[in-house]
Amino acid sequence: MFSTPAFAQTAGNSAGLNGFSGQLLSMLPFLVVFLIIYLMLIRPQQKRFKDQRRAIDAVQKGDTVITAGGIIGKVLKVSDREVEIEISKGIKISVVKATLQSVQPLTAANSNTVE
C-alpha cells in the first residue's frame, strides 16, 4: 500500500545524473552567475584601475591633477613618491602620488590656461 523510502530514493539514479556529472550540473547556475559578475563588474573595475595607475605614474610638470580630497592644481615638481602642486597663485602643497585621483595631461588645447 505504501512505497518504501528506499524505493523512492533509487528513482533518481535511473536518470543518469549521479557522481561528478550530477554535481557539475547542480553547480552550473552558480558558475554562470559568477561569470556574469566577473564580466560585468570585476573586469571593468580592474581595467579602470590599471588605466588610472598608468596615468598617475606618467604625471609630469604642467599637468592638471585632482587629488582624492578634491583639490585641483597644476603640477610643479614630480618625485618618486610625491608631487608638488600649485593650488592657487603662490600656494604650493606636496601630495603623495597615490592620492591623485585624476590626471589631465598638458595638451595644446589647454596649454593657454597654464602660465
PDB file of N, CA and C in Angstrom:
ATOM      1  N   MET A   1       0.804  -1.176   0.000  1.00  0.00           N
ATOM      2  CA  MET A   1       0.000   0.000   0.000  1.00  0.00           C
ATOM      3  C   MET A   1       0.864   1.264   0.000  1.00  0.00           C
ATOM      4  N   PHE A   2       1.848   1.339   0.841  1.00  0.00           N
ATOM      5  CA  PHE A   2       2.757   2.485   0.852  1.00  0.00           C
ATOM      6  C   PHE A   2       4.077   2.082   0.224  1.00  0.00           C
ATOM      7  N   SER A   3       4.700   3.001  -0.483  1.00  0.00           N
ATOM      8  CA  SER A   3       6.010   2.689  -1.043  1.00  0.00           C
ATOM      9  C   SER A   3       7.073   2.894   0.026  1.00  0.00           C
ATOM     10  N   THR A   4       8.088   2.121  -0.045  1.00  0.00           N
ATOM     11  CA  THR A   4       9.144   2.223   0.957  1.00  0.00           C
ATOM     12  C   THR A   4      10.070   3.378   0.608  1.00  0.00           C
ATOM     13  N   PRO A   5      10.701   4.020   1.599  1.00  0.00           N
ATOM     14  CA  PRO A   5      11.626   5.126   1.316  1.00  0.00           C
ATOM     15  C   PRO A   5      12.810   4.699   0.463  1.00  0.00           C
ATOM     16  N   ALA A   6      13.267   3.481   0.610  1.00  0.00           N
ATOM     17  CA  ALA A   6      14.399   3.011  -0.173  1.00  0.00           C
ATOM     18  C   ALA A   6      14.050   2.950  -1.651  1.00  0.00           C
ATOM     19  N   PHE A   7      12.844   2.575  -1.983  1.00  0.00           N
ATOM     20  CA  PHE A   7      12.424   2.511  -3.377  1.00  0.00           C
ATOM     21  C   PHE A   7      12.324   3.915  -3.981  1.00  0.00           C
ATOM     22  N   ALA A   8      11.857   4.890  -3.201  1.00  0.00           N
ATOM     23  CA  ALA A   8      11.710   6.260  -3.694  1.00  0.00           C
ATOM     24  C   ALA A   8      13.073   6.910  -3.902  1.00  0.00           C
ATOM     25  N   GLN A   9      14.061   6.555  -3.130  1.00  0.00           N
ATOM     26  CA  GLN A   9      15.379   7.159  -3.253  1.00  0.00           C
ATOM     27  C   GLN A   9      16.144   6.634  -4.459  1.00  0.00           C
ATOM     28  N   THR A  10      15.880   5.464  -4.912  1.00  0.00           N
ATOM     29  CA  THR A  10      16.609   4.909  -6.045  1.00  0.00           C
ATOM     30  C   THR A  10      16.077   5.400  -7.373  1.00  0.00           C
ATOM     31  N   ALA A  11      14.980   6.084  -7.404  1.00  0.00           N
ATOM     32  CA  ALA A  11      14.414   6.539  -8.668  1.00  0.00           C
ATOM     33  C   ALA A  11      15.286   7.589  -9.333  1.00  0.00           C
ATOM     34  N   GLY A  12      15.991   8.423  -8.577  1.00  0.00           N
ATOM     35  CA  GLY A  12      16.834   9.467  -9.138  1.00  0.00           C
ATOM     36  C   GLY A  12      18.042   8.917  -9.867  1.00  0.00           C
ATOM     37  N   ASN A  13      18.567   7.796  -9.497  1.00  0.00           N
ATOM     38  CA  ASN A  13      19.743   7.237 -10.134  1.00  0.00           C
ATOM     39  C   ASN A  13      19.472   6.717 -11.527  1.00  0.00           C
ATOM     40  N   SER A  14      18.255   6.397 -11.825  1.00  0.00           N
ATOM     41  CA  SER A  14      17.953   5.882 -13.157  1.00  0.00           C
ATOM     42  C   SER A  14      18.040   6.969 -14.224  1.00  0.00           C
ATOM     43  N   ALA A  15      18.024   8.242 -13.834  1.00  0.00           N
ATOM     44  CA  ALA A  15      18.104   9.335 -14.794  1.00  0.00           C
ATOM     45  C   ALA A  15      19.521   9.536 -15.305  1.00  0.00           C
ATOM     46  N   GLY A  16      20.527   8.987 -14.639  1.00  0.00           N
ATOM     47  CA  GLY A  16      21.900   9.089 -15.099  1.00  0.00           C
ATOM     48  C   GLY A  16      22.638  10.313 -14.588  1.00  0.00           C
ATOM     49  N   LEU A  17      22.115  11.020 -13.609  1.00  0.00           N
ATOM     50  CA  LEU A  17      22.756  12.222 -13.073  1.00  0.00           C
ATOM     51  C   LEU A  17      23.412  11.923 -11.732  1.00  0.00           C
ATOM     52  N   ASN A  18      24.227  10.927 -11.690  1.00  0.00           N
ATOM     53  CA  ASN A  18      24.903  10.600 -10.442  1.00  0.00           C
ATOM     54  C   ASN A  18      26.384  10.915 -10.564  1.00  0.00           C
ATOM     55  N   GLY A  19      27.066  10.993  -9.441  1.00  0.00           N
ATOM     56  CA  GLY A  19      28.500  11.219  -9.452  1.00  0.00           C
ATOM     57  C   GLY A  19      28.878  12.636  -9.840  1.00  0.00           C
ATOM     58  N   PHE A  20      29.987  12.750 -10.573  1.00  0.00           N
ATOM     59  CA  PHE A  20      30.573  14.046 -10.913  1.00  0.00           C
ATOM     60  C   PHE A  20      29.683  14.869 -11.841  1.00  0.00           C
ATOM     61  N   SER A  21      29.057  14.237 -12.806  1.00  0.00           N
ATOM     62  CA  SER A  21      28.221  14.989 -13.753  1.00  0.00           C
ATOM     63  C   SER A  21      27.007  15.599 -13.065  1.00  0.00           C
ATOM     64  N   GLY A  22      26.468  14.907 -12.068  1.00  0.00           N
ATOM     65  CA  GLY A  22      25.342  15.458 -11.326  1.00  0.00           C
ATOM     66  C   GLY A  22      25.753  16.648 -10.485  1.00  0.00           C
ATOM     67  N   GLN A  23      26.931  16.570  -9.883  1.00  0.00           N
ATOM     68  CA  GLN A  23      27.428  17.694  -9.093  1.00  0.00           C
ATOM     69  C   GLN A  23      27.737  18.898  -9.974  1.00  0.00           C
ATOM     70  N   LEU A  24      28.327  18.640 -11.137  1.00  0.00           N
ATOM     71  CA  LEU A  24      28.651  19.730 -12.059  1.00  0.00           C
ATOM     72  C   LEU A  24      27.391  20.421 -12.560  1.00  0.00           C
ATOM     73  N   LEU A  25      26.375  19.637 -12.861  1.00  0.00           N
ATOM     74  CA  LEU A  25      25.120  20.210 -13.345  1.00  0.00           C
ATOM     75  C   LEU A  25      24.433  21.024 -12.256  1.00  0.00           C
ATOM     76  N   SER A  26      24.542  20.600 -11.001  1.00  0.00           N
ATOM     77  CA  SER A  26      23.923  21.367  -9.921  1.00  0.00           C
ATOM     78  C   SER A  26      24.703  22.646  -9.622  1.00  0.00           C
ATOM     79  N   MET A  27      26.000  22.689  -9.932  1.00  0.00           N
ATOM     80  CA  MET A  27      26.805  23.894  -9.706  1.00  0.00           C
ATOM     81  C   MET A  27      26.781  24.839 -10.902  1.00  0.00           C
ATOM     82  N   LEU A  28      26.249  24.434 -12.012  1.00  0.00           N
ATOM     83  CA  LEU A  28      26.253  25.232 -13.237  1.00  0.00           C
ATOM     84  C   LEU A  28      25.608  26.610 -13.064  1.00  0.00           C
ATOM     85  N   PRO A  29      24.458  26.746 -12.408  1.00  0.00           N
ATOM     86  CA  PRO A  29      23.889  28.100 -12.239  1.00  0.00           C
ATOM     87  C   PRO A  29      24.804  29.037 -11.451  1.00  0.00           C
ATOM     88  N   PHE A  30      25.488  28.508 -10.431  1.00  0.00           N
ATOM     89  CA  PHE A  30      26.410  29.347  -9.658  1.00  0.00           C
ATOM     90  C   PHE A  30      27.589  29.791 -10.509  1.00  0.00           C
ATOM     91  N   LEU A  31      28.088  28.906 -11.339  1.00  0.00           N
ATOM     92  CA  LEU A  31      29.207  29.248 -12.217  1.00  0.00           C
ATOM     93  C   LEU A  31      28.809  30.307 -13.235  1.00  0.00           C
ATOM     94  N   VAL A  32      27.600  30.200 -13.762  1.00  0.00           N
ATOM     95  CA  VAL A  32      27.112  31.183 -14.738  1.00  0.00           C
ATOM     96  C   VAL A  32      26.963  32.553 -14.081  1.00  0.00           C
ATOM     97  N   VAL A  33      26.413  32.588 -12.869  1.00  0.00           N
ATOM     98  CA  VAL A  33      26.246  33.860 -12.162  1.00  0.00           C
ATOM     99  C   VAL A  33      27.611  34.473 -11.854  1.00  0.00           C
ATOM    100  N   PHE A  34      28.576  33.671 -11.412  1.00  0.00           N
ATOM    101  CA  PHE A  34      29.910  34.191 -11.131  1.00  0.00           C
ATOM    102  C   PHE A  34      30.546  34.736 -12.405  1.00  0.00           C
ATOM    103  N   LEU A  35      30.390  34.058 -13.527  1.00  0.00           N
ATOM    104  CA  LEU A  35      30.945  34.520 -14.795  1.00  0.00           C
ATOM    105  C   LEU A  35      30.340  35.865 -15.198  1.00  0.00           C
ATOM    106  N   ILE A  36      29.044  36.006 -15.032  1.00  0.00           N
ATOM    107  CA  ILE A  36      28.377  37.267 -15.372  1.00  0.00           C
ATOM    108  C   ILE A  36      28.878  38.400 -14.474  1.00  0.00           C
ATOM    109  N   ILE A  37      29.010  38.126 -13.175  1.00  0.00           N
ATOM    110  CA  ILE A  37      29.510  39.144 -12.252  1.00  0.00           C
ATOM    111  C   ILE A  37      30.933  39.531 -12.620  1.00  0.00           C
ATOM    112  N   TYR A  38      31.753  38.556 -12.960  1.00  0.00           N
ATOM    113  CA  TYR A  38      33.139  38.848 -13.335  1.00  0.00           C
ATOM    114  C   TYR A  38      33.194  39.734 -14.575  1.00  0.00           C
ATOM    115  N   LEU A  39      32.419  39.384 -15.585  1.00  0.00           N
ATOM    116  CA  LEU A  39      32.469  40.135 -16.841  1.00  0.00           C
ATOM    117  C   LEU A  39      31.848  41.524 -16.724  1.00  0.00           C
ATOM    118  N   MET A  40      30.841  41.681 -15.878  1.00  0.00           N
ATOM    119  CA  MET A  40      30.140  42.958 -15.783  1.00  0.00           C
ATOM    120  C   MET A  40      30.728  43.905 -14.728  1.00  0.00           C
ATOM    121  N   LEU A  41      31.324  43.372 -13.670  1.00  0.00           N
ATOM    122  CA  LEU A  41      31.778  44.228 -12.578  1.00  0.00           C
ATOM    123  C   LEU A  41      33.277  44.188 -12.336  1.00  0.00           C
ATOM    124  N   ILE A  42      33.829  43.011 -12.148  1.00  0.00           N
ATOM    125  CA  ILE A  42      35.214  42.891 -11.705  1.00  0.00           C
ATOM    126  C   ILE A  42      36.190  43.278 -12.804  1.00  0.00           C
ATOM    127  N   ARG A  43      36.009  42.753 -13.997  1.00  0.00           N
ATOM    128  CA  ARG A  43      36.952  43.021 -15.088  1.00  0.00           C
ATOM    129  C   ARG A  43      37.012  44.499 -15.485  1.00  0.00           C
ATOM    130  N   PRO A  44      35.882  45.187 -15.668  1.00  0.00           N
ATOM    131  CA  PRO A  44      35.972  46.623 -15.987  1.00  0.00           C
ATOM    132  C   PRO A  44      36.604  47.447 -14.861  1.00  0.00           C
ATOM    133  N   GLN A  45      36.362  47.050 -13.612  1.00  0.00           N
ATOM    134  CA  GLN A  45      36.965  47.768 -12.489  1.00  0.00           C
ATOM    135  C   GLN A  45      38.480  47.615 -12.504  1.00  0.00           C
ATOM    136  N   GLN A  46      38.977  46.419 -12.799  1.00  0.00           N
ATOM    137  CA  GLN A  46      40.414  46.191 -12.876  1.00  0.00           C
ATOM    138  C   GLN A  46      41.036  46.991 -14.015  1.00  0.00           C
ATOM    139  N   LYS A  47      40.347  47.060 -15.148  1.00  0.00           N
ATOM    140  CA  LYS A  47      40.856  47.816 -16.293  1.00  0.00           C
ATOM    141  C   LYS A  47      40.924  49.308 -15.970  1.00  0.00           C
ATOM    142  N   ARG A  48      39.905  49.815 -15.315  1.00  0.00           N
ATOM    143  CA  ARG A  48      39.895  51.229 -14.951  1.00  0.00           C
ATOM    144  C   ARG A  48      41.000  51.540 -13.940  1.00  0.00           C
ATOM    145  N   PHE A  49      41.222  50.635 -12.991  1.00  0.00           N
ATOM    146  CA  PHE A  49      42.283  50.827 -12.011  1.00  0.00           C
ATOM    147  C   PHE A  49      43.650  50.843 -12.679  1.00  0.00           C
ATOM    148  N   LYS A  50      43.882  49.952 -13.650  1.00  0.00           N
ATOM    149  CA  LYS A  50      45.169  49.919 -14.357  1.00  0.00           C
ATOM    150  C   LYS A  50      45.383  51.197 -15.165  1.00  0.00           C
ATOM    151  N   ASP A  51      44.334  51.690 -15.819  1.00  0.00           N
ATOM    152  CA  ASP A  51      44.443  52.932 -16.592  1.00  0.00           C
ATOM    153  C   ASP A  51      44.757  54.123 -15.682  1.00  0.00           C
ATOM    154  N   GLN A  52      44.099  54.174 -14.521  1.00  0.00           N
ATOM    155  CA  GLN A  52      44.348  55.261 -13.580  1.00  0.00           C
ATOM    156  C   GLN A  52      45.771  55.184 -13.041  1.00  0.00           C
ATOM    157  N   ARG A  53      46.247  53.991 -12.716  1.00  0.00           N
ATOM    158  CA  ARG A  53      47.612  53.810 -12.202  1.00  0.00           C
ATOM    159  C   ARG A  53      48.633  54.228 -13.260  1.00  0.00           C
ATOM    160  N   ARG A  54      48.368  53.887 -14.512  1.00  0.00           N
ATOM    161  CA  ARG A  54      49.268  54.258 -15.609  1.00  0.00           C
ATOM    162  C   ARG A  54      49.326  55.783 -15.763  1.00  0.00           C
ATOM    163  N   ALA A  55      48.191  56.456 -15.648  1.00  0.00           N
ATOM    164  CA  ALA A  55      48.160  57.912 -15.776  1.00  0.00           C
ATOM    165  C   ALA A  55      48.878  58.583 -14.609  1.00  0.00           C
ATOM    166  N   ILE A  56      48.729  58.054 -13.413  1.00  0.00           N
ATOM    167  CA  ILE A  56      49.395  58.623 -12.244  1.00  0.00           C
ATOM    168  C   ILE A  56      50.908  58.437 -12.344  1.00  0.00           C
ATOM    169  N   ASP A  57      51.343  57.293 -12.817  1.00  0.00           N
ATOM    170  CA  ASP A  57      52.777  57.058 -12.966  1.00  0.00           C
ATOM    171  C   ASP A  57      53.394  57.950 -14.041  1.00  0.00           C
ATOM    172  N   ALA A  58      52.598  58.390 -15.005  1.00  0.00           N
ATOM    173  CA  ALA A  58      53.104  59.212 -16.101  1.00  0.00           C
ATOM    174  C   ALA A  58      52.904  60.712 -15.873  1.00  0.00           C
ATOM    175  N   VAL A  59      52.520  61.113 -14.660  1.00  0.00           N
ATOM    176  CA  VAL A  59      52.292  62.533 -14.392  1.00  0.00           C
ATOM    177  C   VAL A  59      53.612  63.301 -14.551  1.00  0.00           C
ATOM    178  N   GLN A  60      53.509  64.515 -15.108  1.00  0.00           N
ATOM    179  CA  GLN A  60      54.697  65.325 -15.336  1.00  0.00           C
ATOM    180  C   GLN A  60      54.373  66.798 -15.095  1.00  0.00           C
ATOM    181  N   LYS A  61      55.404  67.600 -15.085  1.00  0.00           N
ATOM    182  CA  LYS A  61      55.266  69.024 -14.812  1.00  0.00           C
ATOM    183  C   LYS A  61      54.313  69.670 -15.822  1.00  0.00           C
ATOM    184  N   GLY A  62      53.384  70.473 -15.315  1.00  0.00           N
ATOM    185  CA  GLY A  62      52.436  71.178 -16.162  1.00  0.00           C
ATOM    186  C   GLY A  62      51.075  70.516 -16.240  1.00  0.00           C
ATOM    187  N   ASP A  63      50.961  69.252 -15.826  1.00  0.00           N
ATOM    188  CA  ASP A  63      49.674  68.553 -15.854  1.00  0.00           C
ATOM    189  C   ASP A  63      48.751  69.116 -14.780  1.00  0.00           C
ATOM    190  N   THR A  64      47.467  69.031 -15.031  1.00  0.00           N
ATOM    191  CA  THR A  64      46.467  69.388 -14.027  1.00  0.00           C
ATOM    192  C   THR A  64      46.018  68.103 -13.353  1.00  0.00           C
ATOM    193  N   VAL A  65      45.995  68.111 -12.016  1.00  0.00           N
ATOM    194  CA  VAL A  65      45.632  66.907 -11.271  1.00  0.00           C
ATOM    195  C   VAL A  65      44.514  67.219 -10.288  1.00  0.00           C
ATOM    196  N   ILE A  66      43.785  66.170  -9.932  1.00  0.00           N
ATOM    197  CA  ILE A  66      42.764  66.245  -8.893  1.00  0.00           C
ATOM    198  C   ILE A  66      43.126  65.192  -7.856  1.00  0.00           C
ATOM    199  N   THR A  67      43.214  65.607  -6.602  1.00  0.00           N
ATOM    200  CA  THR A  67      43.549  64.663  -5.539  1.00  0.00           C
ATOM    201  C   THR A  67      42.283  63.960  -5.046  1.00  0.00           C
ATOM    202  N   ALA A  68      42.484  62.938  -4.218  1.00  0.00           N
ATOM    203  CA  ALA A  68      41.343  62.208  -3.665  1.00  0.00           C
ATOM    204  C   ALA A  68      40.520  63.101  -2.745  1.00  0.00           C
ATOM    205  N   GLY A  69      41.136  64.135  -2.200  1.00  0.00           N
ATOM    206  CA  GLY A  69      40.426  65.077  -1.345  1.00  0.00           C
ATOM    207  C   GLY A  69      39.686  66.153  -2.122  1.00  0.00           C
ATOM    208  N   GLY A  70      39.832  66.169  -3.443  1.00  0.00           N
ATOM    209  CA  GLY A  70      39.125  67.128  -4.280  1.00  0.00           C
ATOM    210  C   GLY A  70      39.901  68.389  -4.586  1.00  0.00           C
ATOM    211  N   ILE A  71      41.167  68.414  -4.284  1.00  0.00           N
ATOM    212  CA  ILE A  71      41.999  69.591  -4.555  1.00  0.00           C
ATOM    213  C   ILE A  71      42.476  69.541  -6.005  1.00  0.00           C
ATOM    214  N   ILE A  72      42.281  70.628  -6.719  1.00  0.00           N
ATOM    215  CA  ILE A  72      42.691  70.731  -8.114  1.00  0.00           C
ATOM    216  C   ILE A  72      43.902  71.648  -8.182  1.00  0.00           C
ATOM    217  N   GLY A  73      44.923  71.217  -8.914  1.00  0.00           N
ATOM    218  CA  GLY A  73      46.103  72.051  -9.022  1.00  0.00           C
ATOM    219  C   GLY A  73      46.959  71.677 -10.213  1.00  0.00           C
ATOM    220  N   LYS A  74      47.987  72.509 -10.429  1.00  0.00           N
ATOM    221  CA  LYS A  74      48.925  72.304 -11.525  1.00  0.00           C
ATOM    222  C   LYS A  74      50.218  71.730 -10.961  1.00  0.00           C
ATOM    223  N   VAL A  75      50.748  70.715 -11.610  1.00  0.00           N
ATOM    224  CA  VAL A  75      51.957  70.053 -11.137  1.00  0.00           C
ATOM    225  C   VAL A  75      53.165  70.933 -11.391  1.00  0.00           C
ATOM    226  N   LEU A  76      53.955  71.148 -10.337  1.00  0.00           N
ATOM    227  CA  LEU A  76      55.177  71.929 -10.451  1.00  0.00           C
ATOM    228  C   LEU A  76      56.426  71.061 -10.424  1.00  0.00           C
ATOM    229  N   LYS A  77      56.395  70.009  -9.605  1.00  0.00           N
ATOM    230  CA  LYS A  77      57.565  69.158  -9.439  1.00  0.00           C
ATOM    231  C   LYS A  77      57.099  67.732  -9.150  1.00  0.00           C
ATOM    232  N   VAL A  78      57.796  66.748  -9.757  1.00  0.00           N
ATOM    233  CA  VAL A  78      57.446  65.347  -9.572  1.00  0.00           C
ATOM    234  C   VAL A  78      58.654  64.599  -9.042  1.00  0.00           C
ATOM    235  N   SER A  79      58.456  63.834  -7.978  1.00  0.00           N
ATOM    236  CA  SER A  79      59.495  62.934  -7.478  1.00  0.00           C
ATOM    237  C   SER A  79      58.937  61.508  -7.494  1.00  0.00           C
ATOM    238  N   ASP A  80      59.681  60.575  -6.915  1.00  0.00           N
ATOM    239  CA  ASP A  80      59.243  59.173  -6.957  1.00  0.00           C
ATOM    240  C   ASP A  80      57.918  58.961  -6.237  1.00  0.00           C
ATOM    241  N   ARG A  81      57.781  59.527  -5.047  1.00  0.00           N
ATOM    242  CA  ARG A  81      56.590  59.282  -4.237  1.00  0.00           C
ATOM    243  C   ARG A  81      55.667  60.484  -4.119  1.00  0.00           C
ATOM    244  N   GLU A  82      56.185  61.688  -4.322  1.00  0.00           N
ATOM    245  CA  GLU A  82      55.408  62.899  -4.087  1.00  0.00           C
ATOM    246  C   GLU A  82      55.318  63.772  -5.333  1.00  0.00           C
ATOM    247  N   VAL A  83      54.296  64.613  -5.314  1.00  0.00           N
ATOM    248  CA  VAL A  83      54.083  65.586  -6.382  1.00  0.00           C
ATOM    249  C   VAL A  83      53.830  66.932  -5.712  1.00  0.00           C
ATOM    250  N   GLU A  84      54.497  67.972  -6.175  1.00  0.00           N
ATOM    251  CA  GLU A  84      54.236  69.311  -5.667  1.00  0.00           C
ATOM    252  C   GLU A  84      53.288  69.994  -6.637  1.00  0.00           C
ATOM    253  N   ILE A  85      52.159  70.462  -6.096  1.00  0.00           N
ATOM    254  CA  ILE A  85      51.163  71.107  -6.954  1.00  0.00           C
ATOM    255  C   ILE A  85      50.892  72.517  -6.456  1.00  0.00           C
ATOM    256  N   GLU A  86      50.520  73.369  -7.390  1.00  0.00           N
ATOM    257  CA  GLU A  86      50.141  74.741  -7.069  1.00  0.00           C
ATOM    258  C   GLU A  86      48.628  74.818  -7.156  1.00  0.00           C
ATOM    259  N   ILE A  87      47.994  75.110  -6.019  1.00  0.00           N
ATOM    260  CA  ILE A  87      46.532  75.130  -5.999  1.00  0.00           C
ATOM    261  C   ILE A  87      45.979  76.539  -6.205  1.00  0.00           C
ATOM    262  N   SER A  88      46.826  77.543  -5.987  1.00  0.00           N
ATOM    263  CA  SER A  88      46.468  78.936  -6.233  1.00  0.00           C
ATOM    264  C   SER A  88      47.774  79.688  -6.444  1.00  0.00           C
ATOM    265  N   LYS A  89      47.691  80.901  -6.878  1.00  0.00           N
ATOM    266  CA  LYS A  89      48.904  81.669  -7.135  1.00  0.00           C
ATOM    267  C   LYS A  89      49.736  81.775  -5.853  1.00  0.00           C
ATOM    268  N   GLY A  90      50.933  81.175  -5.886  1.00  0.00           N
ATOM    269  CA  GLY A  90      51.841  81.236  -4.754  1.00  0.00           C
ATOM    270  C   GLY A  90      51.590  80.211  -3.656  1.00  0.00           C
ATOM    271  N   ILE A  91      50.549  79.407  -3.763  1.00  0.00           N
ATOM    272  CA  ILE A  91      50.260  78.391  -2.743  1.00  0.00           C
ATOM    273  C   ILE A  91      50.593  77.020  -3.312  1.00  0.00           C
ATOM    274  N   LYS A  92      51.631  76.420  -2.736  1.00  0.00           N
ATOM    275  CA  LYS A  92      52.106  75.124  -3.213  1.00  0.00           C
ATOM    276  C   LYS A  92      51.964  74.097  -2.103  1.00  0.00           C
ATOM    277  N   ILE A  93      51.549  72.894  -2.468  1.00  0.00           N
ATOM    278  CA  ILE A  93      51.470  71.805  -1.497  1.00  0.00           C
ATOM    279  C   ILE A  93      52.095  70.559  -2.114  1.00  0.00           C
ATOM    280  N   SER A  94      52.571  69.688  -1.248  1.00  0.00           N
ATOM    281  CA  SER A  94      53.107  68.404  -1.695  1.00  0.00           C
ATOM    282  C   SER A  94      52.099  67.325  -1.329  1.00  0.00           C
ATOM    283  N   VAL A  95      51.797  66.465  -2.271  1.00  0.00           N
ATOM    284  CA  VAL A  95      50.881  65.350  -2.028  1.00  0.00           C
ATOM    285  C   VAL A  95      51.551  64.056  -2.470  1.00  0.00           C
ATOM    286  N   VAL A  96      51.135  62.975  -1.871  1.00  0.00           N
ATOM    287  CA  VAL A  96      51.640  61.660  -2.246  1.00  0.00           C
ATOM    288  C   VAL A  96      50.992  61.265  -3.569  1.00  0.00           C
ATOM    289  N   LYS A  97      51.786  60.690  -4.467  1.00  0.00           N
ATOM    290  CA  LYS A  97      51.269  60.313  -5.788  1.00  0.00           C
ATOM    291  C   LYS A  97      50.065  59.387  -5.705  1.00  0.00           C
ATOM    292  N   ALA A  98      50.046  58.516  -4.706  1.00  0.00           N
ATOM    293  CA  ALA A  98      48.957  57.549  -4.577  1.00  0.00           C
ATOM    294  C   ALA A  98      47.611  58.212  -4.295  1.00  0.00           C
ATOM    295  N   THR A  99      47.625  59.460  -3.827  1.00  0.00           N
ATOM    296  CA  THR A  99      46.363  60.146  -3.535  1.00  0.00           C
ATOM    297  C   THR A  99      45.804  60.893  -4.742  1.00  0.00           C
ATOM    298  N   LEU A 100      46.489  60.844  -5.867  1.00  0.00           N
ATOM    299  CA  LEU A 100      45.972  61.505  -7.067  1.00  0.00           C
ATOM    300  C   LEU A 100      44.804  60.702  -7.619  1.00  0.00           C
ATOM    301  N   GLN A 101      43.726  61.388  -7.903  1.00  0.00           N
ATOM    302  CA  GLN A 101      42.518  60.743  -8.411  1.00  0.00           C
ATOM    303  C   GLN A 101      42.447  60.811  -9.926  1.00  0.00           C
ATOM    304  N   SER A 102      42.832  61.950 -10.480  1.00  0.00           N
ATOM    305  CA  SER A 102      42.699  62.161 -11.914  1.00  0.00           C
ATOM    306  C   SER A 102      43.866  63.005 -12.405  1.00  0.00           C
ATOM    307  N   VAL A 103      44.322  62.706 -13.620  1.00  0.00           N
ATOM    308  CA  VAL A 103      45.410  63.459 -14.244  1.00  0.00           C
ATOM    309  C   VAL A 103      44.942  63.897 -15.623  1.00  0.00           C
ATOM    310  N   GLN A 104      45.045  65.201 -15.869  1.00  0.00           N
ATOM    311  CA  GLN A 104      44.712  65.731 -17.180  1.00  0.00           C
ATOM    312  C   GLN A 104      45.994  66.286 -17.770  1.00  0.00           C
ATOM    313  N   PRO A 105      46.569  65.568 -18.732  1.00  0.00           N
ATOM    314  CA  PRO A 105      47.871  65.970 -19.276  1.00  0.00           C
ATOM    315  C   PRO A 105      47.814  67.327 -19.958  1.00  0.00           C
ATOM    316  N   LEU A 106      48.959  67.975 -19.979  1.00  0.00           N
ATOM    317  CA  LEU A 106      49.115  69.254 -20.660  1.00  0.00           C
ATOM    318  C   LEU A 106      49.075  69.012 -22.157  1.00  0.00           C
ATOM    319  N   THR A 107      48.118  69.621 -22.843  1.00  0.00           N
ATOM    320  CA  THR A 107      47.996  69.478 -24.296  1.00  0.00           C
ATOM    321  C   THR A 107      47.946  70.863 -24.922  1.00  0.00           C
ATOM    322  N   ALA A 108      47.945  70.897 -26.224  1.00  0.00           N
ATOM    323  CA  ALA A 108      47.858  72.186 -26.924  1.00  0.00           C
ATOM    324  C   ALA A 108      46.536  72.881 -26.648  1.00  0.00           C
ATOM    325  N   ALA A 109      45.466  72.118 -26.400  1.00  0.00           N
ATOM    326  CA  ALA A 109      44.155  72.708 -26.169  1.00  0.00           C
ATOM    327  C   ALA A 109      44.088  73.444 -24.835  1.00  0.00           C
ATOM    328  N   ASN A 110      44.740  72.914 -23.794  1.00  0.00           N
ATOM    329  CA  ASN A 110      44.659  73.592 -22.506  1.00  0.00           C
ATOM    330  C   ASN A 110      45.981  74.244 -22.107  1.00  0.00           C
ATOM    331  N   SER A 111      46.931  74.331 -23.020  1.00  0.00           N
ATOM    332  CA  SER A 111      48.218  74.948 -22.686  1.00  0.00           C
ATOM    333  C   SER A 111      48.114  76.445 -22.522  1.00  0.00           C
ATOM    334  N   ASN A 112      47.107  77.089 -23.116  1.00  0.00           N
ATOM    335  CA  ASN A 112      46.974  78.534 -22.979  1.00  0.00           C
ATOM    336  C   ASN A 112      46.468  78.929 -21.592  1.00  0.00           C
ATOM    337  N   THR A 113      45.918  77.991 -20.801  1.00  0.00           N
ATOM    338  CA  THR A 113      45.461  78.303 -19.465  1.00  0.00           C
ATOM    339  C   THR A 113      46.557  78.161 -18.439  1.00  0.00           C
ATOM    340  N   VAL A 114      47.642  77.463 -18.780  1.00  0.00           N
ATOM    341  CA  VAL A 114      48.759  77.264 -17.871  1.00  0.00           C
ATOM    342  C   VAL A 114      49.780  78.354 -18.101  1.00  0.00           C
ATOM    343  N   GLU A 115      50.226  78.965 -17.021  1.00  0.00           N
ATOM    344  CA  GLU A 115      51.190  80.071 -17.162  1.00  0.00           C
ATOM    345  C   GLU A 115      52.591  79.570 -17.055  1.00  0.00           C
TER     346      GLU A 115
END
